[in-house]
C-alpha atoms as a PDB file:
ATOM      1  CA  MET A   1     110.489 106.019 117.482  1.00  0.00           C
ATOM      2  CA  THR A   2     107.874 108.618 118.446  1.00  0.00           C
ATOM      3  CA  SER A   3     107.685 111.365 115.821  1.00  0.00           C
ATOM      4  CA  PRO A   4     106.372 114.587 117.379  1.00  0.00           C
ATOM      5  CA  GLU A   5     107.539 116.619 114.387  1.00  0.00           C
ATOM      6  CA  LEU A   6     105.109 114.840 112.074  1.00  0.00           C
ATOM      7  CA  VAL A   7     101.650 115.813 110.887  1.00  0.00           C
ATOM      8  CA  VAL A   8      99.144 113.076 110.075  1.00  0.00           C
ATOM      9  CA  ALA A   9      96.949 114.367 107.238  1.00  0.00           C
ATOM     10  CA  ILE A  10      93.727 112.570 106.310  1.00  0.00           C
ATOM     11  CA  ASP A  11      91.214 112.961 103.520  1.00  0.00           C
ATOM     12  CA  GLY A  12      88.312 110.570 103.965  1.00  0.00           C
ATOM     13  CA  GLY A  13      86.073 110.576 100.916  1.00  0.00           C
ATOM     14  CA  ASN A  14      83.044 108.588  99.856  1.00  0.00           C
ATOM     15  CA  SER A  15      85.009 106.293  97.555  1.00  0.00           C
ATOM     16  CA  LYS A  16      88.594 106.462  98.838  1.00  0.00           C
ATOM     17  CA  THR A  17      90.669 107.641 101.770  1.00  0.00           C
ATOM     18  CA  ASP A  18      94.183 109.102 101.634  1.00  0.00           C
ATOM     19  CA  VAL A  19      96.674 109.533 104.464  1.00  0.00           C
ATOM     20  CA  LEU A  20      99.979 111.428 104.376  1.00  0.00           C
ATOM     21  CA  LEU A  21     102.768 111.694 106.917  1.00  0.00           C
ATOM     22  CA  VAL A  22     104.338 115.104 106.505  1.00  0.00           C
ATOM     23  CA  ASP A  23     107.209 116.624 108.447  1.00  0.00           C
ATOM     24  CA  ALA A  24     107.500 120.243 109.553  1.00  0.00           C
ATOM     25  CA  THR A  25     109.568 121.144 106.497  1.00  0.00           C
ATOM     26  CA  GLY A  26     106.870 119.988 104.064  1.00  0.00           C
ATOM     27  CA  ASN A  27     108.387 116.657 103.077  1.00  0.00           C
ATOM     28  CA  VAL A  28     106.012 113.748 102.513  1.00  0.00           C
ATOM     29  CA  LEU A  29     107.518 110.798 104.355  1.00  0.00           C
ATOM     30  CA  GLY A  30     104.794 108.209 103.870  1.00  0.00           C
ATOM     31  CA  GLU A  31     101.392 107.725 102.335  1.00  0.00           C
ATOM     32  CA  ALA A  32      98.576 105.223 102.142  1.00  0.00           C
ATOM     33  CA  ARG A  33      95.281 104.875 100.307  1.00  0.00           C
ATOM     34  CA  GLY A  34      92.255 102.791 101.216  1.00  0.00           C
ATOM     35  CA  PRO A  35      88.489 102.555 100.848  1.00  0.00           C
ATOM     36  CA  GLY A  36      86.021 105.333 101.548  1.00  0.00           C
ATOM     37  CA  ALA A  37      85.730 106.202 105.217  1.00  0.00           C
ATOM     38  CA  SER A  38      83.008 108.822 105.385  1.00  0.00           C
ATOM     39  CA  PRO A  39      81.369 108.289 108.795  1.00  0.00           C
ATOM     40  CA  GLN A  40      78.044 109.191 107.226  1.00  0.00           C
ATOM     41  CA  ASN A  41      78.328 106.135 104.985  1.00  0.00           C
ATOM     42  CA  VAL A  42      80.167 103.545 107.082  1.00  0.00           C
ATOM     43  CA  GLY A  43      79.546 104.705 110.644  1.00  0.00           C
ATOM     44  CA  VAL A  44      81.971 106.248 113.129  1.00  0.00           C
ATOM     45  CA  ASP A  45      83.465 102.983 114.401  1.00  0.00           C
ATOM     46  CA  ALA A  46      84.222 101.612 110.934  1.00  0.00           C
ATOM     47  CA  CYS A  47      85.537 105.020 109.888  1.00  0.00           C
ATOM     48  CA  VAL A  48      88.012 105.160 112.772  1.00  0.00           C
ATOM     49  CA  GLU A  49      89.157 101.569 112.212  1.00  0.00           C
ATOM     50  CA  THR A  50      89.835 102.315 108.537  1.00  0.00           C
ATOM     51  CA  LEU A  51      91.728 105.482 109.376  1.00  0.00           C
ATOM     52  CA  GLU A  52      93.887 103.717 111.958  1.00  0.00           C
ATOM     53  CA  ARG A  53      94.847 100.993 109.484  1.00  0.00           C
ATOM     54  CA  LEU A  54      95.840 103.607 106.939  1.00  0.00           C
ATOM     55  CA  VAL A  55      97.811 105.694 109.432  1.00  0.00           C
ATOM     56  CA  LEU A  56      99.774 102.582 110.363  1.00  0.00           C
ATOM     57  CA  ALA A  57     100.241 101.758 106.665  1.00  0.00           C
ATOM     58  CA  ALA A  58     101.591 105.254 106.027  1.00  0.00           C
ATOM     59  CA  HIS A  59     104.146 104.735 108.808  1.00  0.00           C
ATOM     60  CA  GLU A  60     105.144 101.449 107.232  1.00  0.00           C
ATOM     61  CA  ASP A  61     105.500 103.182 103.868  1.00  0.00           C
ATOM     62  CA  ALA A  62     107.790 105.714 105.534  1.00  0.00           C
ATOM     63  CA  GLY A  63     109.860 102.943 107.096  1.00  0.00           C
ATOM     64  CA  ARG A  64     109.036 104.199 110.574  1.00  0.00           C
ATOM     65  CA  THR A  65     107.870 102.372 113.667  1.00  0.00           C
ATOM     66  CA  ALA A  66     104.427 103.599 114.680  1.00  0.00           C
ATOM     67  CA  GLU A  67     104.446 104.501 118.363  1.00  0.00           C
ATOM     68  CA  ARG A  68     101.816 106.652 119.992  1.00  0.00           C
ATOM     69  CA  PRO A  69     101.688 109.561 119.771  1.00  0.00           C
ATOM     70  CA  PHE A  70     102.316 109.273 116.042  1.00  0.00           C
ATOM     71  CA  ALA A  71     102.668 113.008 115.469  1.00  0.00           C
ATOM     72  CA  VAL A  72     102.357 116.439 116.986  1.00  0.00           C
ATOM     73  CA  HIS A  73      99.102 117.089 115.127  1.00  0.00           C
ATOM     74  CA  THR A  74      96.426 115.196 113.216  1.00  0.00           C
ATOM     75  CA  SER A  75      94.567 117.019 110.445  1.00  0.00           C
ATOM     76  CA  ALA A  76      91.497 114.989 109.442  1.00  0.00           C
ATOM     77  CA  TYR A  77      88.997 116.218 106.859  1.00  0.00           C
ATOM     78  CA  LEU A  78      86.223 113.893 105.748  1.00  0.00           C
ATOM     79  CA  ALA A  79      83.150 113.854 103.573  1.00  0.00           C
ATOM     80  CA  GLY A  80      79.937 113.577 105.522  1.00  0.00           C
ATOM     81  CA  LEU A  81      81.002 115.823 108.397  1.00  0.00           C
ATOM     82  CA  ASP A  82      78.349 118.360 107.520  1.00  0.00           C
ATOM     83  CA  LEU A  83      77.194 119.436 110.982  1.00  0.00           C
ATOM     84  CA  PRO A  84      79.123 120.518 114.106  1.00  0.00           C
ATOM     85  CA  GLU A  85      77.659 117.580 116.020  1.00  0.00           C
ATOM     86  CA  GLU A  86      79.140 115.143 113.508  1.00  0.00           C
ATOM     87  CA  GLU A  87      82.545 116.787 113.802  1.00  0.00           C
ATOM     88  CA  GLU A  88      82.392 116.613 117.594  1.00  0.00           C
ATOM     89  CA  ILE A  89      81.553 112.901 117.580  1.00  0.00           C
ATOM     90  CA  LEU A  90      84.435 112.004 115.272  1.00  0.00           C
ATOM     91  CA  HIS A  91      86.798 114.329 117.147  1.00  0.00           C
ATOM     92  CA  ALA A  92      86.085 112.447 120.366  1.00  0.00           C
ATOM     93  CA  ALA A  93      86.527 109.059 118.679  1.00  0.00           C
ATOM     94  CA  LEU A  94      89.885 110.026 117.142  1.00  0.00           C
ATOM     95  CA  THR A  95      91.116 111.706 120.325  1.00  0.00           C
ATOM     96  CA  ALA A  96      90.613 108.397 122.108  1.00  0.00           C
ATOM     97  CA  ARG A  97      93.109 106.769 119.732  1.00  0.00           C
ATOM     98  CA  GLY A  98      95.935 108.967 121.007  1.00  0.00           C
ATOM     99  CA  TRP A  99      97.498 109.696 117.640  1.00  0.00           C
ATOM    100  CA  SER A 100      98.672 113.194 118.549  1.00  0.00           C
ATOM    101  CA  PRO A 101      98.409 115.830 121.300  1.00  0.00           C
ATOM    102  CA  SER A 102      96.301 118.063 119.036  1.00  0.00           C
ATOM    103  CA  LEU A 103      93.676 117.208 116.457  1.00  0.00           C
ATOM    104  CA  THR A 104      91.516 119.072 113.956  1.00  0.00           C
ATOM    105  CA  VAL A 105      88.461 117.466 112.352  1.00  0.00           C
ATOM    106  CA  GLY A 106      86.361 119.048 109.622  1.00  0.00           C
ATOM    107  CA  ASN A 107      84.499 118.684 106.357  1.00  0.00           C
ATOM    108  CA  ASP A 108      86.654 117.884 103.335  1.00  0.00           C
ATOM    109  CA  THR A 109      85.540 121.052 101.520  1.00  0.00           C
ATOM    110  CA  PHE A 110      87.760 123.015 103.924  1.00  0.00           C
ATOM    111  CA  ALA A 111      90.705 120.958 102.653  1.00  0.00           C
ATOM    112  CA  LEU A 112      89.811 121.921  99.082  1.00  0.00           C
ATOM    113  CA  LEU A 113      89.701 125.590 100.095  1.00  0.00           C
ATOM    114  CA  ARG A 114      93.127 125.370 101.714  1.00  0.00           C
ATOM    115  CA  ALA A 115      94.609 123.478  98.783  1.00  0.00           C
ATOM    116  CA  GLY A 116      93.569 126.204  96.354  1.00  0.00           C
ATOM    117  CA  THR A 117      94.311 129.341  98.334  1.00  0.00           C
ATOM    118  CA  SER A 118      97.445 130.995  99.612  1.00  0.00           C
ATOM    119  CA  SER A 119      96.088 131.644 103.104  1.00  0.00           C
ATOM    120  CA  GLY A 120      93.018 129.439 103.528  1.00  0.00           C
ATOM    121  CA  THR A 121      90.561 132.320 103.203  1.00  0.00           C
ATOM    122  CA  GLY A 122      87.974 132.609 100.443  1.00  0.00           C
ATOM    123  CA  VAL A 123      85.169 130.417  99.157  1.00  0.00           C
ATOM    124  CA  ALA A 124      85.302 126.845  97.853  1.00  0.00           C
ATOM    125  CA  VAL A 125      82.626 124.935  95.974  1.00  0.00           C
ATOM    126  CA  VAL A 126      83.108 121.209  95.542  1.00  0.00           C
ATOM    127  CA  CYS A 127      81.041 119.190  93.115  1.00  0.00           C
ATOM    128  CA  GLY A 128      81.910 115.525  93.173  1.00  0.00           C
ATOM    129  CA  ALA A 129      79.423 112.819  94.071  1.00  0.00           C
ATOM    130  CA  GLY A 130      77.594 115.576  95.959  1.00  0.00           C
ATOM    131  CA  ILE A 131      77.834 119.345  96.181  1.00  0.00           C
ATOM    132  CA  ASN A 132      78.985 121.593  99.006  1.00  0.00           C
ATOM    133  CA  CYS A 133      80.381 125.043  99.685  1.00  0.00           C
ATOM    134  CA  VAL A 134      82.345 126.617 102.526  1.00  0.00           C
ATOM    135  CA  GLY A 135      83.823 130.039 103.049  1.00  0.00           C
ATOM    136  CA  VAL A 136      86.372 131.440 105.476  1.00  0.00           C
ATOM    137  CA  GLY A 137      86.828 135.172 105.925  1.00  0.00           C
ATOM    138  CA  PRO A 138      90.083 136.993 106.767  1.00  0.00           C
ATOM    139  CA  ASP A 139      88.651 137.563 110.254  1.00  0.00           C
ATOM    140  CA  GLY A 140      88.200 133.820 110.766  1.00  0.00           C
ATOM    141  CA  ARG A 141      84.438 133.787 110.306  1.00  0.00           C
ATOM    142  CA  VAL A 142      83.103 130.664 108.617  1.00  0.00           C
ATOM    143  CA  HIS A 143      80.093 130.280 106.359  1.00  0.00           C
ATOM    144  CA  ARG A 144      78.799 126.868 105.361  1.00  0.00           C
ATOM    145  CA  PHE A 145      75.651 124.999 104.400  1.00  0.00           C
ATOM    146  CA  PRO A 146      74.185 121.818 105.967  1.00  0.00           C
ATOM    147  CA  ALA A 147      74.821 119.964 102.659  1.00  0.00           C
ATOM    148  CA  LEU A 148      72.477 117.098 103.552  1.00  0.00           C
ATOM    149  CA  GLY A 149      70.928 116.746 100.127  1.00  0.00           C
ATOM    150  CA  ARG A 150      67.497 117.767  98.996  1.00  0.00           C
ATOM    151  CA  ILE A 151      66.197 118.088 102.574  1.00  0.00           C
ATOM    152  CA  SER A 152      68.639 120.960 103.136  1.00  0.00           C
ATOM    153  CA  GLY A 153      67.957 122.660  99.810  1.00  0.00           C
ATOM    154  CA  ASP A 154      70.812 121.156  97.804  1.00  0.00           C
ATOM    155  CA  TRP A 155      70.801 120.401  94.102  1.00  0.00           C
ATOM    156  CA  GLY A 156      73.714 119.034  92.149  1.00  0.00           C
ATOM    157  CA  GLY A 157      76.630 116.666  92.400  1.00  0.00           C
ATOM    158  CA  GLY A 158      77.544 113.805  90.118  1.00  0.00           C
ATOM    159  CA  SER A 159      74.972 111.480  91.640  1.00  0.00           C
ATOM    160  CA  HIS A 160      72.153 113.964  91.150  1.00  0.00           C
ATOM    161  CA  LEU A 161      73.258 114.813  87.612  1.00  0.00           C
ATOM    162  CA  GLY A 162      73.289 111.123  86.744  1.00  0.00           C
ATOM    163  CA  GLU A 163      69.760 110.748  88.094  1.00  0.00           C
ATOM    164  CA  GLU A 164      68.656 113.712  85.997  1.00  0.00           C
ATOM    165  CA  ALA A 165      70.198 112.223  82.855  1.00  0.00           C
ATOM    166  CA  LEU A 166      68.376 108.934  83.463  1.00  0.00           C
ATOM    167  CA  TRP A 167      65.114 110.760  84.327  1.00  0.00           C
ATOM    168  CA  TRP A 168      65.051 112.655  81.051  1.00  0.00           C
ATOM    169  CA  ALA A 169      66.077 109.561  79.048  1.00  0.00           C
ATOM    170  CA  VAL A 170      63.249 107.508  80.572  1.00  0.00           C
ATOM    171  CA  ARG A 171      60.693 110.194  79.787  1.00  0.00           C
ATOM    172  CA  ALA A 172      61.953 110.531  76.228  1.00  0.00           C
ATOM    173  CA  GLU A 173      61.610 106.771  75.780  1.00  0.00           C
ATOM    174  CA  ASP A 174      58.068 106.432  77.162  1.00  0.00           C
ATOM    175  CA  GLY A 175      56.683 109.635  75.635  1.00  0.00           C
ATOM    176  CA  ARG A 176      56.243 111.726  78.760  1.00  0.00           C
ATOM    177  CA  GLY A 177      59.080 114.073  77.879  1.00  0.00           C
ATOM    178  CA  PRO A 178      60.748 115.753  74.919  1.00  0.00           C
ATOM    179  CA  SER A 179      63.083 114.022  72.544  1.00  0.00           C
ATOM    180  CA  THR A 180      66.697 114.191  73.717  1.00  0.00           C
ATOM    181  CA  ALA A 181      70.022 112.733  72.701  1.00  0.00           C
ATOM    182  CA  LEU A 182      70.350 111.589  76.300  1.00  0.00           C
ATOM    183  CA  LEU A 183      68.199 108.585  75.373  1.00  0.00           C
ATOM    184  CA  PRO A 184      70.632 106.904  72.955  1.00  0.00           C
ATOM    185  CA  ALA A 185      73.594 108.079  75.031  1.00  0.00           C
ATOM    186  CA  VAL A 186      72.294 106.448  78.221  1.00  0.00           C
ATOM    187  CA  LYS A 187      71.413 103.238  76.357  1.00  0.00           C
ATOM    188  CA  ALA A 188      74.903 103.124  74.855  1.00  0.00           C
ATOM    189  CA  HIS A 189      76.527 103.794  78.214  1.00  0.00           C
ATOM    190  CA  PHE A 190      74.811 100.826  79.870  1.00  0.00           C
ATOM    191  CA  GLY A 191      74.761  98.640  76.760  1.00  0.00           C
ATOM    192  CA  VAL A 192      70.991  98.122  76.775  1.00  0.00           C
ATOM    193  CA  ASP A 193      68.297  98.171  74.096  1.00  0.00           C
ATOM    194  CA  ALA A 194      65.903 100.201  76.258  1.00  0.00           C
ATOM    195  CA  VAL A 195      66.465 102.577  79.168  1.00  0.00           C
ATOM    196  CA  VAL A 196      63.711 100.825  81.126  1.00  0.00           C
ATOM    197  CA  GLU A 197      66.153  97.902  81.482  1.00  0.00           C
ATOM    198  CA  VAL A 198      68.375 100.179  83.572  1.00  0.00           C
ATOM    199  CA  VAL A 199      65.356 101.133  85.674  1.00  0.00           C
ATOM    200  CA  HIS A 200      64.583  97.479  86.351  1.00  0.00           C
ATOM    201  CA  ARG A 201      68.181  96.716  87.305  1.00  0.00           C
ATOM    202  CA  LEU A 202      68.225  99.610  89.753  1.00  0.00           C
ATOM    203  CA  HIS A 203      64.852  98.623  91.218  1.00  0.00           C
ATOM    204  CA  PHE A 204      65.846  95.017  91.856  1.00  0.00           C
ATOM    205  CA  GLY A 205      69.313  95.906  93.168  1.00  0.00           C
ATOM    206  CA  ARG A 206      71.164  94.360  90.248  1.00  0.00           C
ATOM    207  CA  LEU A 207      72.735  97.754  89.569  1.00  0.00           C
ATOM    208  CA  SER A 208      74.023 100.036  92.300  1.00  0.00           C
ATOM    209  CA  THR A 209      72.699 103.581  92.399  1.00  0.00           C
ATOM    210  CA  HIS A 210      76.368 104.631  92.499  1.00  0.00           C
ATOM    211  CA  ALA A 211      76.531 103.574  88.849  1.00  0.00           C
ATOM    212  CA  LEU A 212      74.515 106.669  87.999  1.00  0.00           C
ATOM    213  CA  ASN A 213      77.485 108.857  88.948  1.00  0.00           C
ATOM    214  CA  ALA A 214      79.137 107.736  85.721  1.00  0.00           C
ATOM    215  CA  LEU A 215      76.312 109.334  83.735  1.00  0.00           C
ATOM    216  CA  SER A 216      77.508 112.805  84.708  1.00  0.00           C
ATOM    217  CA  PRO A 217      80.202 112.955  81.971  1.00  0.00           C
ATOM    218  CA  VAL A 218      77.629 111.584  79.521  1.00  0.00           C
ATOM    219  CA  LEU A 219      75.316 114.462  80.388  1.00  0.00           C
ATOM    220  CA  PHE A 220      78.009 117.078  79.730  1.00  0.00           C
ATOM    221  CA  GLU A 221      79.027 115.378  76.496  1.00  0.00           C
ATOM    222  CA  VAL A 222      75.441 115.430  75.210  1.00  0.00           C
ATOM    223  CA  ALA A 223      75.001 119.036  76.310  1.00  0.00           C
ATOM    224  CA  GLY A 224      78.107 119.903  74.305  1.00  0.00           C
ATOM    225  CA  THR A 225      76.362 118.755  71.126  1.00  0.00           C
ATOM    226  CA  GLY A 226      73.658 121.386  71.602  1.00  0.00           C
ATOM    227  CA  ASP A 227      70.979 119.136  73.092  1.00  0.00           C
ATOM    228  CA  GLU A 228      68.522 121.472  74.822  1.00  0.00           C
ATOM    229  CA  VAL A 229      67.418 119.038  77.507  1.00  0.00           C
ATOM    230  CA  ALA A 230      70.954 118.173  78.590  1.00  0.00           C
ATOM    231  CA  GLN A 231      72.011 121.805  78.416  1.00  0.00           C
ATOM    232  CA  GLY A 232      69.093 122.734  80.644  1.00  0.00           C
ATOM    233  CA  VAL A 233      70.429 120.428  83.368  1.00  0.00           C
ATOM    234  CA  VAL A 234      73.945 121.842  82.974  1.00  0.00           C
ATOM    235  CA  ASP A 235      72.553 125.375  83.202  1.00  0.00           C
ATOM    236  CA  ARG A 236      70.850 124.455  86.454  1.00  0.00           C
ATOM    237  CA  LEU A 237      74.153 123.206  87.869  1.00  0.00           C
ATOM    238  CA  ILE A 238      75.917 126.392  86.795  1.00  0.00           C
ATOM    239  CA  GLU A 239      73.266 128.404  88.623  1.00  0.00           C
ATOM    240  CA  GLU A 240      73.554 126.289  91.782  1.00  0.00           C
ATOM    241  CA  VAL A 241      77.348 126.596  91.936  1.00  0.00           C
ATOM    242  CA  SER A 242      77.118 130.337  91.334  1.00  0.00           C
ATOM    243  CA  VAL A 243      74.450 130.795  94.006  1.00  0.00           C
ATOM    244  CA  LEU A 244      76.435 128.819  96.592  1.00  0.00           C
ATOM    245  CA  ALA A 245      79.549 130.885  95.982  1.00  0.00           C
ATOM    246  CA  GLY A 246      77.640 134.160  95.763  1.00  0.00           C
ATOM    247  CA  VAL A 247      75.804 133.674  99.045  1.00  0.00           C
ATOM    248  CA  SER A 248      79.030 132.802 100.865  1.00  0.00           C
ATOM    249  CA  LEU A 249      80.840 135.817  99.402  1.00  0.00           C
ATOM    250  CA  ARG A 250      78.053 138.111 100.575  1.00  0.00           C
ATOM    251  CA  ARG A 251      77.710 136.581 104.043  1.00  0.00           C
ATOM    252  CA  LEU A 252      81.442 136.929 104.680  1.00  0.00           C
ATOM    253  CA  GLY A 253      81.691 140.445 103.257  1.00  0.00           C
ATOM    254  CA  LEU A 254      83.995 139.302 100.466  1.00  0.00           C
ATOM    255  CA  THR A 255      82.320 141.201  97.627  1.00  0.00           C
ATOM    256  CA  GLY A 256      85.116 143.769  97.432  1.00  0.00           C
ATOM    257  CA  GLY A 257      88.820 143.264  96.894  1.00  0.00           C
ATOM    258  CA  THR A 258      90.056 140.111  95.193  1.00  0.00           C
ATOM    259  CA  PRO A 259      88.572 137.157  97.092  1.00  0.00           C
ATOM    260  CA  GLU A 260      89.665 133.701  96.013  1.00  0.00           C
ATOM    261  CA  VAL A 261      86.962 131.350  94.730  1.00  0.00           C
ATOM    262  CA  ILE A 262      88.016 127.721  94.457  1.00  0.00           C
ATOM    263  CA  LEU A 263      86.183 125.176  92.322  1.00  0.00           C
ATOM    264  CA  GLY A 264      86.929 121.482  92.685  1.00  0.00           C
ATOM    265  CA  GLY A 265      85.634 117.944  92.739  1.00  0.00           C
ATOM    266  CA  GLY A 266      85.400 115.426  89.940  1.00  0.00           C
ATOM    267  CA  VAL A 267      82.520 117.151  88.164  1.00  0.00           C
ATOM    268  CA  LEU A 268      83.924 120.686  88.093  1.00  0.00           C
ATOM    269  CA  THR A 269      87.478 119.633  87.246  1.00  0.00           C
ATOM    270  CA  GLY A 270      86.191 117.626  84.292  1.00  0.00           C
ATOM    271  CA  VAL A 271      83.801 120.069  82.619  1.00  0.00           C
ATOM    272  CA  ALA A 272      84.476 122.047  79.462  1.00  0.00           C
ATOM    273  CA  GLU A 273      85.827 125.590  79.732  1.00  0.00           C
ATOM    274  CA  PRO A 274      82.508 127.331  78.896  1.00  0.00           C
ATOM    275  CA  VAL A 275      80.910 125.899  82.053  1.00  0.00           C
ATOM    276  CA  ILE A 276      83.590 127.391  84.313  1.00  0.00           C
ATOM    277  CA  THR A 277      83.555 130.654  82.371  1.00  0.00           C
ATOM    278  CA  GLU A 278      79.818 131.033  82.922  1.00  0.00           C
ATOM    279  CA  ILE A 279      80.155 130.290  86.643  1.00  0.00           C
ATOM    280  CA  GLU A 280      82.804 132.993  86.857  1.00  0.00           C
ATOM    281  CA  ARG A 281      80.638 135.485  84.955  1.00  0.00           C
ATOM    282  CA  ARG A 282      77.724 135.001  87.326  1.00  0.00           C
ATOM    283  CA  CYS A 283      79.861 135.117  90.466  1.00  0.00           C
ATOM    284  CA  ARG A 284      81.484 138.356  89.334  1.00  0.00           C
ATOM    285  CA  LYS A 285      78.103 140.028  89.592  1.00  0.00           C
ATOM    286  CA  VAL A 286      78.632 139.598  93.346  1.00  0.00           C
ATOM    287  CA  ALA A 287      82.418 140.024  93.573  1.00  0.00           C
ATOM    288  CA  PRO A 288      83.630 141.781  90.398  1.00  0.00           C
ATOM    289  CA  GLN A 289      87.346 141.202  90.997  1.00  0.00           C
ATOM    290  CA  ALA A 290      87.221 137.694  92.421  1.00  0.00           C
ATOM    291  CA  VAL A 291      90.099 135.387  91.499  1.00  0.00           C
ATOM    292  CA  PHE A 292      88.954 131.937  90.351  1.00  0.00           C
ATOM    293  CA  ARG A 293      90.907 128.706  90.455  1.00  0.00           C
ATOM    294  CA  VAL A 294      89.956 125.206  89.388  1.00  0.00           C
ATOM    295  CA  VAL A 295      91.829 122.902  91.730  1.00  0.00           C
ATOM    296  CA  ASP A 296      92.792 119.414  90.669  1.00  0.00           C
ATOM    297  CA  VAL A 297      94.813 118.546  93.753  1.00  0.00           C
ATOM    298  CA  ALA A 298      94.403 115.529  95.979  1.00  0.00           C
ATOM    299  CA  PRO A 299      92.281 116.858  98.887  1.00  0.00           C
ATOM    300  CA  VAL A 300      94.714 115.271 101.332  1.00  0.00           C
ATOM    301  CA  VAL A 301      97.214 117.967 100.297  1.00  0.00           C
ATOM    302  CA  GLY A 302      94.814 120.583 101.628  1.00  0.00           C
ATOM    303  CA  ALA A 303      94.498 118.604 104.856  1.00  0.00           C
ATOM    304  CA  ALA A 304      98.285 118.518 105.134  1.00  0.00           C
ATOM    305  CA  LEU A 305      98.550 122.273 104.524  1.00  0.00           C
ATOM    306  CA  LEU A 306      96.003 122.871 107.285  1.00  0.00           C
ATOM    307  CA  GLY A 307      98.126 120.646 109.503  1.00  0.00           C
ATOM    308  CA  LEU A 308     101.249 122.672 108.719  1.00  0.00           C
ATOM    309  CA  ASP A 309      99.269 125.824 109.508  1.00  0.00           C
ATOM    310  CA  ALA A 310      98.336 124.338 112.878  1.00  0.00           C
ATOM    311  CA  ILE A 311     101.944 123.629 113.886  1.00  0.00           C
ATOM    312  CA  GLY A 312     103.225 127.005 112.687  1.00  0.00           C
ATOM    313  CA  ALA A 313     105.280 125.724 109.746  1.00  0.00           C
ATOM    314  CA  ASP A 314     106.864 128.388 107.581  1.00  0.00           C
ATOM    315  CA  VAL A 315     105.827 129.390 104.063  1.00  0.00           C
ATOM    316  CA  ALA A 316     108.749 127.485 102.515  1.00  0.00           C
ATOM    317  CA  ALA A 317     107.489 124.235 104.047  1.00  0.00           C
ATOM    318  CA  LYS A 318     104.030 124.743 102.582  1.00  0.00           C
ATOM    319  CA  GLU A 319     105.410 125.561  99.161  1.00  0.00           C
ATOM    320  CA  ARG A 320     107.615 122.476  99.290  1.00  0.00           C
ATOM    321  CA  LEU A 321     104.578 120.341 100.051  1.00  0.00           C
ATOM    322  CA  ARG A 322     102.685 121.833  97.098  1.00  0.00           C
ATOM    323  CA  VAL A 323     105.580 121.133  94.734  1.00  0.00           C
ATOM    324  CA  LEU A 324     106.156 117.610  96.004  1.00  0.00           C
ATOM    325  CA  SER A 325     102.449 116.764  95.792  1.00  0.00           C
ATOM    326  CA  GLY A 326     102.444 117.518  92.079  1.00  0.00           C
ATOM    327  CA  GLY A 327      98.947 119.006  92.238  1.00  0.00           C
ATOM    328  CA  VAL A 328      97.486 121.204  89.522  1.00  0.00           C
ATOM    329  CA  VAL A 329      95.927 124.553  90.306  1.00  0.00           C
ATOM    330  CA  SER A 330      94.540 126.348  87.254  1.00  0.00           C
ATOM    331  CA  GLU A 331      93.933 130.076  87.341  1.00  0.00           C
ATOM    332  CA  SER A 332      90.778 131.472  85.797  1.00  0.00           C
ATOM    333  CA  ARG A 333      91.146 131.257  82.031  1.00  0.00           C
ATOM    334  CA  LYS A 334      90.213 134.853  81.423  1.00  0.00           C
ATOM    335  CA  ASP A 335      90.106 137.563  84.054  1.00  0.00           C
ATOM    336  CA  SER A 336      88.534 140.654  82.529  1.00  0.00           C
ATOM    337  CA  HIS A 337      89.660 142.682  85.535  1.00  0.00           C
ATOM    338  CA  GLY A 338      93.339 142.311  84.889  1.00  0.00           C
END
């Protein structure tokens, strides 16, 4: 049976993709999870094929027959959609599938922003495998960065932090850099006698560069022991997150009032409290009464909330979705402004 009252919500990440079928009252009827579907990584065609399989799987999970159109609206937010041109290409490819009469496509950081805010306005910084920031003002204006890596001025993300940890460990081992506890920590993490073994494995393709992402928690753990080298890298990340948020707050005129600043992604949701506290302190130089939240919610929930926004669902429906999703939204630990 055709289901015009449904919203298809999609979060396509680098490592996994989630799909929800949500009705207009906020009930989750079906869900599916599959491999990463970022078009930047797998290409548009493979991305769309993966998404279609998962949409069909979500219908099966809901015990519903999938007939086109599947829903009244599709809300698709994916990693790697960093430029308007990329969004337009995927929008056209998904429109051709005929899933729904209306369709929204965007970067997954917008889903994080919606998941953590009451209205979808404010600033969100995500730090997972990479780093990105978006802001939406009450007047609908959007501020964002290209987020294409070093070529667009970016620094940070779990992948980059892992590379930094390895870089400093290598230099400590061969004498080019200062002594650091990152050296034994990296050796222990990979189970090697010398860090240069890791370098050789990476060089010859016996170890994926994605394995370096797992060094990010190692870096924070070493920094927590007082290691100056590791702490220097963490300080740099704190500065980058603060600068991203601060620039967006200024550009959108959100320095007054109580703008919402959302922090998310695997790196930021896993760090110790002092890291978040320092980010807040620096951002409050720009927006003194900003409200901070660390959001540990599946990004697909944000995509679903944006979908409910698009179809005009009421507040009760959105609250029901939040409750049913079981996500965790943590308020700033200490707000000196009240």
